[in-house]
Amino acid sequence: MDYIIHNDLHGSGGYMGLNNQLCSDPKYFCKNHLVYLSDEDVALKKCLCKPTFDMIGTTRCKSLLTAEEHERELEAYREDLQKINRSRENLGMLSYNVKKPVKPEEEDA
C-alpha cells in the first residue's frame, strides 16, 4: 500500500487528511500522524477526550494542534531555514576569502 506523505500545503493546495484522503475542512493538525483533521475526524478519533493514565479522567491529545498553530510553526521553521542558509552562504564566502594555501616554510640549511 502506498502512503501519501504530508504535503507542503502551498505546493498542491490540499490538506492531507485521514486514510490518504484530502481533508475538506481542516481545523486541526496531528503532529503524530502528520495529517489534518476536521471537527468530525477529531470527534471520531476522540482526540479531545483521551483517557488519562489512571483511566479516570480525560485530557486533550498532546499531538493535536489547531491548523493556525501549525501554520505558525511552519512559518517559523521556514524562517529558521532561511537564516541558516544565509549564514552558510556568508560563512562559505568568508572561508573562501580567508583560507589560502599555506606553503610550509623551508628550513635554512
N, C-alpha and C. Protein backbone atom coordinates (compact mmCIF):
# COMPACT_ATOMS: atom_id res chain seq x y z
N MET A 1 0.84 -1.18 0.00
CA MET A 1 0.00 0.00 0.00
C MET A 1 0.89 1.24 0.00
N ASP A 2 0.62 2.16 -0.88
CA ASP A 2 1.39 3.39 -0.95
C ASP A 2 0.76 4.44 -0.05
N TYR A 3 1.59 5.06 0.77
CA TYR A 3 1.12 6.10 1.66
C TYR A 3 1.51 7.45 1.10
N ILE A 4 0.62 8.38 1.17
CA ILE A 4 0.90 9.74 0.72
C ILE A 4 1.45 10.51 1.91
N ILE A 5 2.57 11.17 1.71
CA ILE A 5 3.23 11.89 2.79
C ILE A 5 2.60 13.27 2.92
N HIS A 6 2.66 13.81 4.12
CA HIS A 6 2.14 15.15 4.42
C HIS A 6 2.69 16.15 3.42
N ASN A 7 1.82 16.86 2.78
CA ASN A 7 2.26 17.81 1.75
C ASN A 7 2.53 19.19 2.34
N ASP A 8 3.03 20.07 1.52
CA ASP A 8 3.52 21.38 1.97
C ASP A 8 2.41 22.42 2.07
N LEU A 9 1.20 22.09 1.83
CA LEU A 9 0.05 22.99 1.86
C LEU A 9 0.04 23.93 0.67
N HIS A 10 1.17 24.54 0.39
CA HIS A 10 1.20 25.53 -0.66
C HIS A 10 1.61 24.92 -2.00
N GLY A 11 2.13 23.71 -1.96
CA GLY A 11 2.56 23.07 -3.19
C GLY A 11 1.37 22.62 -4.04
N SER A 12 0.52 21.79 -3.45
CA SER A 12 -0.63 21.28 -4.21
C SER A 12 -1.92 21.97 -3.81
N GLY A 13 -1.90 22.71 -2.73
CA GLY A 13 -3.10 23.40 -2.28
C GLY A 13 -4.02 22.54 -1.46
N GLY A 14 -3.67 21.26 -1.24
CA GLY A 14 -4.52 20.36 -0.49
C GLY A 14 -4.01 20.15 0.92
N TYR A 15 -4.86 19.62 1.76
CA TYR A 15 -4.52 19.32 3.14
C TYR A 15 -4.70 17.82 3.33
N MET A 16 -3.63 17.10 3.62
CA MET A 16 -3.70 15.66 3.76
C MET A 16 -4.48 15.31 5.02
N GLY A 17 -5.47 14.44 4.86
CA GLY A 17 -6.31 14.02 5.98
C GLY A 17 -6.15 12.54 6.27
N LEU A 18 -7.14 11.98 6.90
CA LEU A 18 -7.12 10.57 7.26
C LEU A 18 -7.29 9.69 6.03
N ASN A 19 -6.77 8.47 6.11
CA ASN A 19 -6.93 7.44 5.08
C ASN A 19 -6.44 7.89 3.70
N ASN A 20 -5.37 8.65 3.67
CA ASN A 20 -4.79 9.13 2.41
C ASN A 20 -5.77 9.92 1.56
N GLN A 21 -6.69 10.61 2.19
CA GLN A 21 -7.66 11.45 1.51
C GLN A 21 -7.39 12.90 1.87
N LEU A 22 -7.78 13.81 1.00
CA LEU A 22 -7.64 15.23 1.32
C LEU A 22 -8.70 15.64 2.33
N CYS A 23 -8.31 16.44 3.29
CA CYS A 23 -9.24 16.91 4.32
C CYS A 23 -10.02 18.09 3.75
N SER A 24 -11.34 17.99 3.82
CA SER A 24 -12.18 19.02 3.23
C SER A 24 -12.27 20.27 4.09
N ASP A 25 -12.22 20.11 5.42
CA ASP A 25 -12.37 21.25 6.33
C ASP A 25 -11.33 21.14 7.44
N PRO A 26 -10.07 21.50 7.16
CA PRO A 26 -9.01 21.32 8.16
C PRO A 26 -9.11 22.33 9.30
N LYS A 27 -9.33 21.82 10.50
CA LYS A 27 -9.36 22.66 11.70
C LYS A 27 -8.20 22.34 12.63
N TYR A 28 -7.73 21.08 12.60
CA TYR A 28 -6.69 20.62 13.50
C TYR A 28 -5.59 19.94 12.69
N PHE A 29 -4.43 19.77 13.34
CA PHE A 29 -3.31 19.04 12.74
C PHE A 29 -2.76 18.08 13.78
N CYS A 30 -2.52 16.84 13.38
CA CYS A 30 -1.96 15.83 14.27
C CYS A 30 -0.46 15.73 13.99
N LYS A 31 0.36 16.09 15.00
CA LYS A 31 1.81 16.03 14.84
C LYS A 31 2.31 14.60 14.80
N ASN A 32 1.56 13.69 15.38
CA ASN A 32 1.96 12.29 15.41
C ASN A 32 1.80 11.63 14.05
N HIS A 33 0.67 11.86 13.39
CA HIS A 33 0.39 11.21 12.12
C HIS A 33 0.60 12.12 10.91
N LEU A 34 0.89 13.40 11.15
CA LEU A 34 1.13 14.38 10.09
C LEU A 34 -0.04 14.51 9.13
N VAL A 35 -1.24 14.62 9.69
CA VAL A 35 -2.44 14.78 8.89
C VAL A 35 -3.29 15.90 9.48
N TYR A 36 -4.13 16.47 8.64
CA TYR A 36 -5.09 17.48 9.07
C TYR A 36 -6.40 16.79 9.41
N LEU A 37 -7.10 17.34 10.38
CA LEU A 37 -8.35 16.74 10.84
C LEU A 37 -9.46 17.79 10.86
N SER A 38 -10.64 17.37 10.48
CA SER A 38 -11.81 18.24 10.60
C SER A 38 -12.43 18.01 11.98
N ASP A 39 -13.46 18.77 12.30
CA ASP A 39 -14.15 18.58 13.57
C ASP A 39 -14.73 17.17 13.69
N GLU A 40 -15.24 16.64 12.58
CA GLU A 40 -15.81 15.29 12.59
C GLU A 40 -14.72 14.24 12.82
N ASP A 41 -13.54 14.44 12.21
CA ASP A 41 -12.43 13.50 12.41
C ASP A 41 -11.97 13.50 13.86
N VAL A 42 -11.90 14.68 14.47
CA VAL A 42 -11.47 14.79 15.87
C VAL A 42 -12.48 14.10 16.77
N ALA A 43 -13.77 14.26 16.48
CA ALA A 43 -14.79 13.59 17.28
C ALA A 43 -14.72 12.08 17.08
N LEU A 44 -14.47 11.63 15.85
CA LEU A 44 -14.37 10.21 15.56
C LEU A 44 -13.17 9.57 16.27
N LYS A 45 -12.04 10.25 16.25
CA LYS A 45 -10.82 9.74 16.87
C LYS A 45 -10.75 10.04 18.37
N LYS A 46 -11.66 10.85 18.88
CA LYS A 46 -11.72 11.22 20.30
C LYS A 46 -10.42 11.87 20.76
N CYS A 47 -9.90 12.77 19.95
CA CYS A 47 -8.63 13.44 20.26
C CYS A 47 -8.76 14.44 21.41
N LEU A 48 -9.94 14.98 21.61
CA LEU A 48 -10.11 15.98 22.67
C LEU A 48 -10.46 15.35 24.01
N CYS A 49 -10.69 14.05 24.03
CA CYS A 49 -11.03 13.39 25.31
C CYS A 49 -10.31 12.06 25.43
N LYS A 50 -8.98 12.09 25.35
CA LYS A 50 -8.17 10.88 25.55
C LYS A 50 -8.16 10.53 27.03
N PRO A 51 -8.23 9.25 27.37
CA PRO A 51 -8.20 8.88 28.79
C PRO A 51 -6.84 9.18 29.41
N THR A 52 -6.84 9.55 30.67
CA THR A 52 -5.59 9.79 31.39
C THR A 52 -4.97 8.44 31.74
N PHE A 53 -3.75 8.46 32.27
CA PHE A 53 -3.05 7.21 32.55
C PHE A 53 -3.76 6.37 33.60
N ASP A 54 -4.52 7.01 34.51
CA ASP A 54 -5.23 6.26 35.53
C ASP A 54 -6.64 5.84 35.08
N MET A 55 -6.99 6.19 33.84
CA MET A 55 -8.28 5.82 33.23
C MET A 55 -9.48 6.39 33.97
N ILE A 56 -9.27 7.45 34.75
CA ILE A 56 -10.38 8.07 35.46
C ILE A 56 -10.87 9.31 34.72
N GLY A 57 -9.94 10.17 34.33
CA GLY A 57 -10.30 11.41 33.66
C GLY A 57 -9.96 11.38 32.18
N THR A 58 -10.15 12.52 31.54
CA THR A 58 -9.81 12.64 30.13
C THR A 58 -8.98 13.90 29.93
N THR A 59 -8.22 13.92 28.85
CA THR A 59 -7.39 15.06 28.52
C THR A 59 -7.29 15.18 27.00
N ARG A 60 -6.83 16.32 26.56
CA ARG A 60 -6.63 16.54 25.12
C ARG A 60 -5.35 15.84 24.67
N CYS A 61 -5.36 15.29 23.48
CA CYS A 61 -4.17 14.63 22.93
C CYS A 61 -3.05 15.65 22.79
N LYS A 62 -1.84 15.27 23.21
CA LYS A 62 -0.71 16.20 23.18
C LYS A 62 -0.22 16.47 21.76
N SER A 63 -0.56 15.59 20.83
CA SER A 63 -0.11 15.75 19.45
C SER A 63 -1.04 16.61 18.62
N LEU A 64 -2.15 17.03 19.17
CA LEU A 64 -3.16 17.77 18.42
C LEU A 64 -2.91 19.27 18.51
N LEU A 65 -2.83 19.91 17.35
CA LEU A 65 -2.68 21.36 17.24
C LEU A 65 -3.83 21.90 16.40
N THR A 66 -4.12 23.17 16.57
CA THR A 66 -5.06 23.78 15.62
C THR A 66 -4.30 24.05 14.33
N ALA A 67 -5.01 24.19 13.24
CA ALA A 67 -4.36 24.42 11.94
C ALA A 67 -3.59 25.74 11.95
N GLU A 68 -4.10 26.74 12.66
CA GLU A 68 -3.41 28.03 12.73
C GLU A 68 -2.08 27.91 13.48
N GLU A 69 -2.09 27.14 14.59
CA GLU A 69 -0.84 26.94 15.34
C GLU A 69 0.19 26.24 14.47
N HIS A 70 -0.26 25.26 13.71
CA HIS A 70 0.66 24.53 12.83
C HIS A 70 1.21 25.44 11.73
N GLU A 71 0.38 26.32 11.19
CA GLU A 71 0.85 27.26 10.17
C GLU A 71 1.94 28.17 10.75
N ARG A 72 1.74 28.64 12.00
CA ARG A 72 2.75 29.48 12.64
C ARG A 72 4.06 28.71 12.83
N GLU A 73 3.95 27.44 13.24
CA GLU A 73 5.16 26.63 13.40
C GLU A 73 5.88 26.44 12.06
N LEU A 74 5.12 26.19 11.00
CA LEU A 74 5.73 26.04 9.68
C LEU A 74 6.43 27.31 9.23
N GLU A 75 5.79 28.44 9.48
CA GLU A 75 6.39 29.72 9.09
C GLU A 75 7.68 29.97 9.86
N ALA A 76 7.68 29.69 11.18
CA ALA A 76 8.89 29.86 11.98
C ALA A 76 9.98 28.91 11.49
N TYR A 77 9.61 27.70 11.12
CA TYR A 77 10.58 26.72 10.61
C TYR A 77 11.18 27.22 9.30
N ARG A 78 10.36 27.76 8.42
CA ARG A 78 10.87 28.27 7.14
C ARG A 78 11.81 29.46 7.36
N GLU A 79 11.46 30.33 8.30
CA GLU A 79 12.34 31.47 8.60
C GLU A 79 13.68 30.99 9.14
N ASP A 80 13.65 29.98 10.02
CA ASP A 80 14.90 29.44 10.56
C ASP A 80 15.75 28.84 9.45
N LEU A 81 15.13 28.14 8.53
CA LEU A 81 15.88 27.57 7.41
C LEU A 81 16.53 28.66 6.56
N GLN A 82 15.80 29.75 6.33
CA GLN A 82 16.37 30.84 5.56
C GLN A 82 17.55 31.45 6.28
N LYS A 83 17.46 31.62 7.60
CA LYS A 83 18.57 32.17 8.37
C LYS A 83 19.79 31.25 8.30
N ILE A 84 19.54 29.95 8.42
CA ILE A 84 20.65 29.00 8.36
C ILE A 84 21.30 29.04 6.99
N ASN A 85 20.50 29.07 5.95
CA ASN A 85 21.06 29.10 4.59
C ASN A 85 21.85 30.38 4.35
N ARG A 86 21.33 31.52 4.85
CA ARG A 86 22.07 32.78 4.69
C ARG A 86 23.39 32.74 5.44
N SER A 87 23.38 32.19 6.66
CA SER A 87 24.62 32.14 7.43
C SER A 87 25.61 31.18 6.78
N ARG A 88 25.12 30.09 6.19
CA ARG A 88 26.02 29.18 5.49
C ARG A 88 26.65 29.86 4.30
N GLU A 89 25.86 30.63 3.57
CA GLU A 89 26.41 31.35 2.42
C GLU A 89 27.46 32.34 2.87
N ASN A 90 27.18 33.08 3.96
CA ASN A 90 28.16 34.05 4.46
C ASN A 90 29.43 33.36 4.93
N LEU A 91 29.27 32.26 5.64
CA LEU A 91 30.45 31.54 6.10
C LEU A 91 31.23 30.97 4.93
N GLY A 92 30.54 30.52 3.92
CA GLY A 92 31.21 29.98 2.75
C GLY A 92 32.04 31.04 2.06
N MET A 93 31.49 32.25 1.94
CA MET A 93 32.24 33.32 1.29
C MET A 93 33.42 33.73 2.15
N LEU A 94 33.23 33.79 3.47
CA LEU A 94 34.34 34.18 4.34
C LEU A 94 35.44 33.14 4.31
N SER A 95 35.06 31.87 4.37
CA SER A 95 36.08 30.84 4.39
C SER A 95 36.82 30.80 3.06
N TYR A 96 36.13 31.10 1.97
CA TYR A 96 36.79 31.11 0.67
C TYR A 96 37.80 32.26 0.60
N ASN A 97 37.43 33.40 1.16
CA ASN A 97 38.32 34.56 1.12
C ASN A 97 39.47 34.45 2.11
N VAL A 98 39.23 33.82 3.24
CA VAL A 98 40.24 33.78 4.28
C VAL A 98 41.22 32.63 4.07
N LYS A 99 40.70 31.47 3.73
CA LYS A 99 41.58 30.31 3.61
C LYS A 99 42.40 30.40 2.33
N LYS A 100 43.69 30.36 2.50
CA LYS A 100 44.62 30.35 1.37
C LYS A 100 45.59 29.22 1.59
N PRO A 101 46.05 28.63 0.55
CA PRO A 101 47.01 27.53 0.75
C PRO A 101 48.26 28.05 1.45
N VAL A 102 48.64 27.32 2.45
CA VAL A 102 49.82 27.71 3.23
C VAL A 102 50.99 26.84 2.79
N LYS A 103 52.09 27.49 2.40
CA LYS A 103 53.29 26.75 2.00
C LYS A 103 54.13 26.51 3.24
N PRO A 104 54.62 25.29 3.37
CA PRO A 104 55.50 25.02 4.52
C PRO A 104 56.80 25.83 4.38
N GLU A 105 57.24 26.38 5.46
CA GLU A 105 58.46 27.19 5.42
C GLU A 105 59.66 26.28 5.20
N GLU A 106 60.52 26.73 4.35
CA GLU A 106 61.72 25.95 4.09
C GLU A 106 62.75 26.24 5.16
N GLU A 107 63.35 25.20 5.63
CA GLU A 107 64.36 25.37 6.67
C GLU A 107 65.67 25.80 6.03
N ASP A 108 66.35 26.71 6.69
CA ASP A 108 67.66 27.14 6.19
C ASP A 108 68.70 26.09 6.52
N ALA A 109 69.42 25.67 5.53
CA ALA A 109 70.42 24.64 5.77
C ALA A 109 71.80 25.23 5.89
